[in-house]
Amino acid sequence: MAFRISHVCTHWNQIAQSTPLLWTGPIAVGGSRCADIPEDAVDGMRGWLARSAPLSVPVSIEAVRRVQTQRTEGIPAIFEELLKISPRWYSLTIRGPHSPAFLKRLSHHEKDSLEEVDLGWSVDSLCDSATVLSLGATPRLRRVSMTSSTRFVIPFAQLTTLALTCAEFLPDASLDILAQCGNLVEASFYVSSWIELPVPRTDILTLHHLRTLSLDVFIDSRYFAPFLNGICAPALEKFCLASSATIVWPETLTAFQLRSPNITLLEIRYSAPTSDDLRVALSHAPLLTHLELIDCLEIDDALIHTLHYSDGVTPLVPRLRSLILDVRANVLSENVMASMIASRWWTDEQLASLSRPPAVARWTHVRLKHVFSDSFVDTMKDLHRQGLDMGTQKTQY
């Protein structure tokens, strides 16, 4: 866009040249032909970077395949230009593997403006085993996405957001990384495998500031349970769990919930807890306002019935107001579902006419995905016309 504006006419060119913000779009360099880039293209990049000064810029650097294969000590000229403005990098994405020479140079350059870093998987798995990438002094760095590796030196203590990919790694090492993240607010883990069973831990790591925790788990509970059992998050509000493997239900999750009693959003995907397991989980989430159950195969009428509100009966999850439900198995009764939804919904006029407010929150958002009949969809449309943010999607699995 900036290039096009600058070529409209001389006047527009002058305006564009003197407007640094126009030149701060994402800068991506690298790839198979980067080592052979002509000098005039390098000059063009140099001019582009100069026009963005003094503002910070997002940078993405992909490995040069020829450098990758030959392990040369040379650094492409266009990489050199980017290193010259490293104090102005706002974000840095690295896709590897890069030559040890480049990673060493990168470690020593100033990165005063750097706030976000994404270290690609191939950087860890394929770079020289003796090379350690150090981010050095990065006073503004707050968000990092990385593999759980000892090849990165990162100021974990100042991070607020961490996305960690754990493959063929030990849960203890992941917990050791978390132990250095005292200011963490948001954390996500992608766990595909761990190479051996973890050693049982007696200590529990408390993450006092953690508000959001997301776990994508594809290992069995023998590996996963000790990891979750080692974490306490008293301020946690959002907990997202995706798993195609067997999780310890309800023991592991219940114990975690007791250490993290302030969860308001619970999202469970691609898992197979029983209806009773989910009911136990909900019974330990008294502050829950948002519930998302996606592709949970064991959801049945028994669970839906536990959410039904009856006056005079102590309700389950009384603050629940948002529900997203995607059920693949055709085991739900539409009458049970419709009755449950209606039991927690009142129009403004109906609420005003009650002698006392209901003991549960009113729905604000409901999304259902299932094999619904046309009559059920019509019933839900009636609720939508009454003011409920209601949506249904009929599917055939």
Protein backbone atom coordinates (compact mmCIF):
# COMPACT_ATOMS: atom_id res chain seq x y z
CA MET A 1 0.00 0.00 0.00
CA ALA A 2 2.76 2.45 0.94
CA PHE A 3 4.59 1.69 -2.31
CA ARG A 4 1.47 2.33 -4.39
CA ILE A 5 0.69 5.60 -2.62
CA SER A 6 4.22 6.85 -3.16
CA HIS A 7 3.89 6.29 -6.93
CA VAL A 8 0.63 8.16 -7.52
CA CYS A 9 2.35 11.49 -8.16
CA THR A 10 5.21 13.64 -6.90
CA HIS A 11 3.10 15.28 -4.20
CA TRP A 12 1.84 11.96 -2.88
CA ASN A 13 5.38 10.62 -2.98
CA GLN A 14 6.60 13.48 -0.77
CA ILE A 15 3.79 12.86 1.71
CA ALA A 16 4.48 9.12 1.77
CA GLN A 17 8.23 9.63 2.21
CA SER A 18 7.60 11.80 5.27
CA THR A 19 5.00 9.54 6.89
CA PRO A 20 6.87 6.74 8.75
CA LEU A 21 3.67 4.97 9.77
CA LEU A 22 2.99 3.99 6.15
CA TRP A 23 6.20 1.94 6.10
CA THR A 24 5.74 -0.06 9.30
CA GLY A 25 3.89 -3.02 7.78
CA PRO A 26 5.15 -6.58 8.36
CA ILE A 27 8.60 -7.20 6.89
CA ALA A 28 9.27 -10.78 5.82
CA VAL A 29 12.60 -11.89 4.36
CA GLY A 30 14.24 -15.21 3.64
CA GLY A 31 13.39 -18.29 1.64
CA SER A 32 15.10 -20.27 -1.07
CA ARG A 33 16.34 -17.31 -3.16
CA CYS A 34 17.25 -14.86 -0.43
CA ALA A 35 21.00 -15.49 -0.67
CA ASP A 36 20.95 -14.49 -4.37
CA ILE A 37 18.94 -11.29 -4.02
CA PRO A 38 20.39 -8.50 -6.21
CA GLU A 39 21.99 -5.39 -4.72
CA ASP A 40 19.28 -3.05 -6.00
CA ALA A 41 16.69 -5.08 -4.07
CA VAL A 42 18.84 -4.77 -0.94
CA ASP A 43 19.00 -1.01 -1.55
CA GLY A 44 15.21 -0.98 -1.85
CA MET A 45 14.87 -2.73 1.50
CA ARG A 46 17.36 -0.33 3.06
CA GLY A 47 15.32 2.64 1.82
CA TRP A 48 12.06 1.07 3.02
CA LEU A 49 13.48 0.54 6.50
CA ALA A 50 14.83 4.10 6.60
CA ARG A 51 11.39 5.54 5.83
CA SER A 52 9.83 3.73 8.81
CA ALA A 53 12.28 5.31 11.30
CA PRO A 54 11.94 5.97 14.18
CA LEU A 55 8.89 3.68 14.54
CA SER A 56 9.11 -0.01 15.44
CA VAL A 57 8.36 -2.72 12.85
CA PRO A 58 7.31 -6.40 12.88
CA VAL A 59 9.92 -8.69 11.34
CA SER A 60 9.77 -12.27 10.07
CA ILE A 61 12.98 -14.08 9.06
CA GLU A 62 12.88 -17.41 7.24
CA ALA A 63 15.95 -19.58 6.77
CA VAL A 64 17.83 -19.48 3.51
CA ARG A 65 17.88 -23.02 2.16
CA ARG A 66 21.34 -22.78 0.68
CA VAL A 67 22.71 -21.53 3.99
CA GLN A 68 20.79 -24.29 5.72
CA THR A 69 22.32 -27.00 3.54
CA GLN A 70 25.90 -25.79 3.32
CA ARG A 71 26.14 -24.44 6.87
CA THR A 72 28.11 -21.47 5.54
CA GLU A 73 29.21 -18.70 7.84
CA GLY A 74 27.94 -16.05 5.46
CA ILE A 75 24.85 -13.97 6.19
CA PRO A 76 22.68 -12.69 3.32
CA ALA A 77 22.99 -8.94 2.78
CA ILE A 78 19.29 -8.43 3.35
CA PHE A 79 19.63 -10.05 6.79
CA GLU A 80 22.41 -7.58 7.53
CA GLU A 81 20.06 -4.69 6.79
CA LEU A 82 17.49 -6.06 9.21
CA LEU A 83 20.09 -6.55 11.93
CA LYS A 84 21.06 -2.87 11.60
CA ILE A 85 17.58 -1.83 12.73
CA SER A 86 17.15 -4.55 15.41
CA PRO A 87 16.60 -1.88 18.12
CA ARG A 88 13.39 -0.99 16.24
CA TRP A 89 11.96 -4.50 15.96
CA TYR A 90 8.51 -4.70 17.51
CA SER A 91 8.01 -8.41 16.90
CA LEU A 92 10.25 -11.16 15.60
CA THR A 93 9.25 -14.43 13.95
CA ILE A 94 12.01 -16.89 13.11
CA ARG A 95 11.55 -19.90 10.88
CA GLY A 96 14.65 -22.05 10.69
CA PRO A 97 17.03 -23.57 10.60
CA HIS A 98 19.46 -20.66 10.34
CA SER A 99 23.22 -20.75 10.23
CA PRO A 100 25.02 -20.59 13.60
CA ALA A 101 26.67 -17.38 12.40
CA PHE A 102 23.31 -15.65 11.99
CA LEU A 103 21.95 -16.87 15.33
CA LYS A 104 25.10 -15.65 17.11
CA ARG A 105 24.82 -12.24 15.45
CA LEU A 106 21.15 -12.11 16.36
CA SER A 107 21.94 -12.86 19.99
CA HIS A 108 24.33 -9.93 20.26
CA HIS A 109 22.27 -7.23 18.54
CA GLU A 110 20.18 -4.83 20.60
CA LYS A 111 16.45 -5.40 20.64
CA ASP A 112 15.17 -2.58 22.84
CA SER A 113 11.69 -2.36 21.25
CA LEU A 114 11.02 -6.08 20.97
CA GLU A 115 7.69 -7.10 22.55
CA GLU A 116 6.76 -10.37 20.78
CA VAL A 117 8.83 -13.37 19.69
CA ASP A 118 7.76 -16.48 17.78
CA LEU A 119 10.49 -19.11 17.58
CA GLY A 120 9.48 -21.69 15.02
CA TRP A 121 9.68 -25.41 15.66
CA SER A 122 12.34 -26.00 13.04
CA VAL A 123 14.65 -23.47 14.71
CA ASP A 124 14.95 -25.80 17.67
CA SER A 125 14.95 -29.14 15.91
CA LEU A 126 17.40 -28.46 13.11
CA CYS A 127 19.82 -25.71 14.13
CA ASP A 128 23.38 -26.52 15.20
CA SER A 129 23.21 -28.44 18.49
CA ALA A 130 25.91 -26.25 20.03
CA THR A 131 24.18 -22.99 19.16
CA VAL A 132 22.16 -21.19 21.81
CA LEU A 133 19.89 -18.34 20.74
CA SER A 134 19.90 -15.63 23.39
CA LEU A 135 17.45 -12.76 23.13
CA GLY A 136 19.77 -10.67 25.28
CA ALA A 137 18.52 -7.46 26.83
CA THR A 138 14.89 -7.14 25.73
CA PRO A 139 13.29 -4.86 28.33
CA ARG A 140 9.90 -4.75 26.54
CA LEU A 141 9.55 -8.43 25.71
CA ARG A 142 6.25 -9.77 27.05
CA ARG A 143 4.97 -12.45 24.62
CA VAL A 144 6.85 -15.55 23.48
CA SER A 145 5.88 -18.60 21.42
CA MET A 146 8.48 -21.36 21.48
CA THR A 147 9.34 -25.01 21.88
CA SER A 148 10.40 -26.19 25.31
CA SER A 149 14.11 -26.15 24.67
CA THR A 150 17.35 -25.34 26.45
CA ARG A 151 18.67 -23.77 23.24
CA PHE A 152 16.85 -20.50 23.92
CA VAL A 153 17.86 -17.97 26.56
CA ILE A 154 14.78 -15.92 27.32
CA PRO A 155 13.95 -13.45 30.13
CA PHE A 156 11.01 -15.53 31.39
CA ALA A 157 10.49 -13.42 34.50
CA GLN A 158 9.14 -10.47 32.48
CA LEU A 159 6.78 -12.46 30.22
CA THR A 160 3.02 -12.09 30.45
CA THR A 161 2.15 -14.50 27.59
CA LEU A 162 3.80 -17.83 26.80
CA ALA A 163 2.88 -20.42 24.15
CA LEU A 164 4.90 -23.57 24.65
CA THR A 165 5.09 -26.58 22.33
CA CYS A 166 6.21 -29.68 24.20
CA ALA A 167 7.14 -32.63 22.02
CA GLU A 168 9.42 -35.45 23.12
CA PHE A 169 10.15 -33.46 26.21
CA LEU A 170 9.77 -33.87 29.95
CA PRO A 171 6.90 -32.30 31.90
CA ASP A 172 9.32 -31.40 34.69
CA ALA A 173 11.28 -29.24 32.24
CA SER A 174 8.06 -27.49 31.18
CA LEU A 175 7.19 -26.84 34.82
CA ASP A 176 10.71 -25.53 35.36
CA ILE A 177 10.10 -23.01 32.57
CA LEU A 178 6.79 -22.01 34.17
CA ALA A 179 8.53 -21.59 37.51
CA GLN A 180 10.56 -18.75 35.98
CA CYS A 181 7.43 -16.98 34.70
CA GLY A 182 6.26 -15.22 37.84
CA ASN A 183 4.32 -12.54 35.93
CA LEU A 184 2.58 -14.82 33.46
CA VAL A 185 -1.03 -13.87 32.63
CA GLU A 186 -1.73 -16.18 29.69
CA ALA A 187 -0.20 -19.59 28.94
CA SER A 188 -0.89 -22.22 26.30
CA PHE A 189 0.65 -25.67 25.85
CA TYR A 190 0.65 -28.02 22.90
CA VAL A 191 1.72 -31.43 24.14
CA SER A 192 2.12 -34.17 21.53
CA SER A 193 4.39 -36.53 23.45
CA TRP A 194 6.74 -36.83 26.38
CA ILE A 195 9.63 -39.22 26.19
CA GLU A 196 9.26 -40.82 29.61
CA LEU A 197 7.04 -40.86 32.65
CA PRO A 198 7.56 -37.84 34.90
CA VAL A 199 8.96 -38.17 38.37
CA PRO A 200 6.18 -37.61 40.95
CA ARG A 201 6.36 -34.11 42.39
CA THR A 202 5.59 -33.09 45.94
CA ASP A 203 5.78 -29.35 45.32
CA ILE A 204 3.10 -27.31 43.58
CA LEU A 205 3.93 -24.31 41.41
CA THR A 206 1.68 -21.33 42.12
CA LEU A 207 1.14 -18.91 39.23
CA HIS A 208 -0.42 -15.97 41.04
CA HIS A 209 -1.17 -13.80 37.98
CA LEU A 210 -2.27 -16.45 35.49
CA ARG A 211 -5.70 -15.63 34.03
CA THR A 212 -5.86 -17.91 30.95
CA LEU A 213 -4.56 -21.47 30.54
CA SER A 214 -4.99 -23.51 27.33
CA LEU A 215 -3.88 -27.14 27.04
CA ASP A 216 -3.84 -29.18 23.81
CA VAL A 217 -2.93 -32.63 25.08
CA PHE A 218 -2.31 -35.73 22.94
CA ILE A 219 -0.76 -38.02 25.55
CA ASP A 220 -2.32 -40.33 28.09
CA SER A 221 -3.07 -39.37 31.67
CA ARG A 222 0.05 -41.02 33.11
CA TYR A 223 2.05 -38.19 31.59
CA PHE A 224 -0.46 -35.38 31.73
CA ALA A 225 -1.87 -35.75 35.25
CA PRO A 226 1.45 -35.04 37.05
CA PHE A 227 1.86 -31.90 34.97
CA LEU A 228 -1.58 -30.49 35.81
CA ASN A 229 -1.23 -31.66 39.40
CA GLY A 230 1.89 -29.52 39.69
CA ILE A 231 0.11 -26.22 38.93
CA CYS A 232 -1.95 -23.92 41.13
CA ALA A 233 -3.57 -20.85 39.53
CA PRO A 234 -5.70 -19.01 42.12
CA ALA A 235 -6.51 -16.12 39.73
CA LEU A 236 -7.33 -18.34 36.73
CA GLU A 237 -10.46 -17.25 34.85
CA LYS A 238 -10.28 -19.11 31.52
CA PHE A 239 -9.36 -22.78 31.27
CA CYS A 240 -9.36 -24.50 27.87
CA LEU A 241 -8.66 -28.21 27.50
CA ALA A 242 -8.42 -30.08 24.21
CA SER A 243 -7.54 -33.74 24.27
CA SER A 244 -8.06 -36.83 22.18
CA ALA A 245 -6.36 -38.91 24.85
CA THR A 246 -7.56 -40.30 28.15
CA ILE A 247 -7.54 -37.68 30.89
CA VAL A 248 -8.00 -38.55 34.54
CA TRP A 249 -11.64 -37.65 35.07
CA PRO A 250 -12.65 -36.36 37.47
CA GLU A 251 -9.76 -36.65 39.95
CA THR A 252 -7.11 -34.60 38.16
CA LEU A 253 -9.44 -31.87 36.97
CA THR A 254 -11.25 -31.63 40.31
CA ALA A 255 -7.99 -31.23 42.21
CA PHE A 256 -6.89 -28.54 39.77
CA GLN A 257 -10.21 -26.73 40.10
CA LEU A 258 -9.94 -26.71 43.89
CA ARG A 259 -6.59 -24.96 43.52
CA SER A 260 -8.05 -22.62 40.90
CA PRO A 261 -11.51 -21.73 42.20
CA ASN A 262 -12.16 -18.58 40.16
CA ILE A 263 -12.66 -20.11 36.69
CA THR A 264 -15.39 -18.29 34.77
CA LEU A 265 -14.85 -19.84 31.32
CA LEU A 266 -14.44 -23.59 30.81
CA GLU A 267 -13.81 -24.92 27.31
CA ILE A 268 -13.44 -28.65 26.65
CA ARG A 269 -12.73 -29.94 23.14
CA TYR A 270 -12.21 -33.34 21.53
CA SER A 271 -12.40 -35.17 24.83
CA ALA A 272 -14.42 -38.08 26.14
CA PRO A 273 -15.41 -37.39 29.75
CA THR A 274 -18.59 -39.09 30.85
CA SER A 275 -21.69 -37.12 31.67
CA ASP A 276 -20.98 -37.71 35.38
CA ASP A 277 -17.41 -36.46 34.95
CA LEU A 278 -18.64 -33.22 33.42
CA ARG A 279 -21.25 -32.79 36.12
CA VAL A 280 -18.52 -33.09 38.77
CA ALA A 281 -16.41 -30.54 36.90
CA LEU A 282 -19.34 -28.11 36.78
CA SER A 283 -20.09 -28.65 40.45
CA HIS A 284 -16.58 -27.37 41.23
CA ALA A 285 -17.01 -24.25 39.09
CA PRO A 286 -19.46 -22.07 41.05
CA LEU A 287 -18.32 -18.87 39.30
CA LEU A 288 -18.66 -20.27 35.79
CA THR A 289 -20.28 -17.88 33.29
CA HIS A 290 -19.17 -19.40 29.96
CA LEU A 291 -19.22 -23.10 29.02
CA GLU A 292 -18.02 -24.53 25.70
CA LEU A 293 -18.24 -28.27 24.99
CA ILE A 294 -16.97 -29.12 21.51
CA ASP A 295 -16.92 -32.67 20.13
CA CYS A 296 -17.31 -34.24 23.58
CA LEU A 297 -18.73 -37.59 22.59
CA GLU A 298 -20.27 -38.63 25.90
CA ILE A 299 -22.64 -35.69 26.38
CA ASP A 300 -26.15 -36.98 26.99
CA ASP A 301 -29.52 -36.00 28.44
CA ALA A 302 -28.30 -36.56 31.98
CA LEU A 303 -25.77 -33.74 31.71
CA ILE A 304 -28.22 -31.39 29.99
CA HIS A 305 -30.79 -32.11 32.70
CA THR A 306 -28.32 -31.05 35.42
CA LEU A 307 -28.27 -27.58 33.85
CA HIS A 308 -32.05 -27.31 34.01
CA TYR A 309 -33.19 -24.66 36.48
CA SER A 310 -36.17 -25.27 38.74
CA ASP A 311 -37.34 -22.70 41.24
CA GLY A 312 -36.51 -23.76 44.79
CA VAL A 313 -33.81 -26.21 43.75
CA THR A 314 -30.15 -25.37 44.28
CA PRO A 315 -28.92 -24.75 40.71
CA LEU A 316 -25.74 -26.02 39.11
CA VAL A 317 -23.44 -23.23 37.83
CA PRO A 318 -25.89 -20.46 38.78
CA ARG A 319 -23.89 -17.73 37.00
CA LEU A 320 -23.77 -19.53 33.65
CA ARG A 321 -25.01 -17.24 30.89
CA SER A 322 -23.16 -18.37 27.76
CA LEU A 323 -23.29 -21.88 26.29
CA ILE A 324 -21.62 -23.28 23.18
CA LEU A 325 -22.45 -26.92 22.57
CA ASP A 326 -21.26 -29.01 19.61
CA VAL A 327 -22.34 -32.64 20.00
CA ARG A 328 -21.49 -35.29 17.41
CA ALA A 329 -23.27 -38.25 18.97
CA ASN A 330 -27.00 -38.38 18.26
CA VAL A 331 -27.95 -39.13 21.87
CA LEU A 332 -29.65 -35.92 22.98
CA SER A 333 -33.38 -35.48 23.42
CA GLU A 334 -34.59 -32.27 21.86
CA ASN A 335 -37.28 -31.92 24.53
CA VAL A 336 -34.66 -32.06 27.31
CA MET A 337 -32.48 -29.53 25.50
CA ALA A 338 -35.34 -27.14 24.78
CA SER A 339 -36.63 -27.36 28.34
CA MET A 340 -33.19 -26.64 29.77
CA ILE A 341 -32.64 -23.61 27.53
CA ALA A 342 -36.09 -22.22 28.34
CA SER A 343 -35.61 -22.74 32.09
CA ARG A 344 -32.82 -20.18 32.13
CA TRP A 345 -34.40 -17.59 29.88
CA TRP A 346 -36.81 -14.73 30.65
CA THR A 347 -37.79 -11.73 28.61
CA ASP A 348 -37.37 -8.30 30.16
CA GLU A 349 -41.10 -8.17 30.85
CA GLN A 350 -41.07 -11.60 32.51
CA LEU A 351 -38.16 -10.65 34.74
CA ALA A 352 -39.92 -7.44 35.79
CA SER A 353 -43.03 -9.39 36.76
CA LEU A 354 -41.25 -11.82 39.10
CA SER A 355 -41.63 -11.29 42.84
CA ARG A 356 -37.95 -12.10 43.30
CA PRO A 357 -35.10 -12.52 40.81
CA PRO A 358 -34.31 -16.08 39.73
CA ALA A 359 -31.40 -17.87 41.36
CA VAL A 360 -29.63 -18.27 38.03
CA ALA A 361 -28.33 -15.82 35.46
CA ARG A 362 -30.30 -15.29 32.26
CA TRP A 363 -28.80 -16.57 29.03
CA THR A 364 -26.96 -13.96 26.99
CA HIS A 365 -25.47 -16.25 24.34
CA VAL A 366 -26.36 -19.79 23.23
CA ARG A 367 -24.93 -21.68 20.25
CA LEU A 368 -25.95 -25.27 19.52
CA LYS A 369 -24.62 -27.62 16.86
CA HIS A 370 -26.30 -31.00 16.58
CA VAL A 371 -28.61 -33.11 14.41
CA PHE A 372 -31.68 -30.98 15.13
CA SER A 373 -35.15 -31.30 13.69
CA ASP A 374 -36.85 -28.38 11.96
CA SER A 375 -39.35 -28.06 14.81
CA PHE A 376 -36.55 -27.69 17.37
CA VAL A 377 -34.86 -25.03 15.24
CA ASP A 378 -38.16 -23.17 15.00
CA THR A 379 -38.51 -23.26 18.80
CA MET A 380 -35.05 -21.77 19.19
CA LYS A 381 -35.91 -19.09 16.63
CA ASP A 382 -38.83 -18.09 18.84
CA LEU A 383 -36.40 -17.51 21.72
CA HIS A 384 -34.21 -15.50 19.40
CA ARG A 385 -37.15 -13.28 18.49
CA GLN A 386 -37.75 -12.74 22.21
CA GLY A 387 -34.25 -11.27 22.53
CA LEU A 388 -31.99 -14.25 23.24
CA ASP A 389 -28.73 -14.31 21.25
CA MET A 390 -29.52 -17.80 20.03
CA GLY A 391 -28.12 -19.83 17.16
CA THR A 392 -28.49 -23.42 15.99
CA GLN A 393 -26.71 -25.32 13.27
CA LYS A 394 -28.02 -28.58 11.94
CA THR A 395 -25.33 -31.09 11.04
CA GLN A 396 -25.19 -34.62 9.73
CA TYR A 397 -22.20 -36.66 10.93
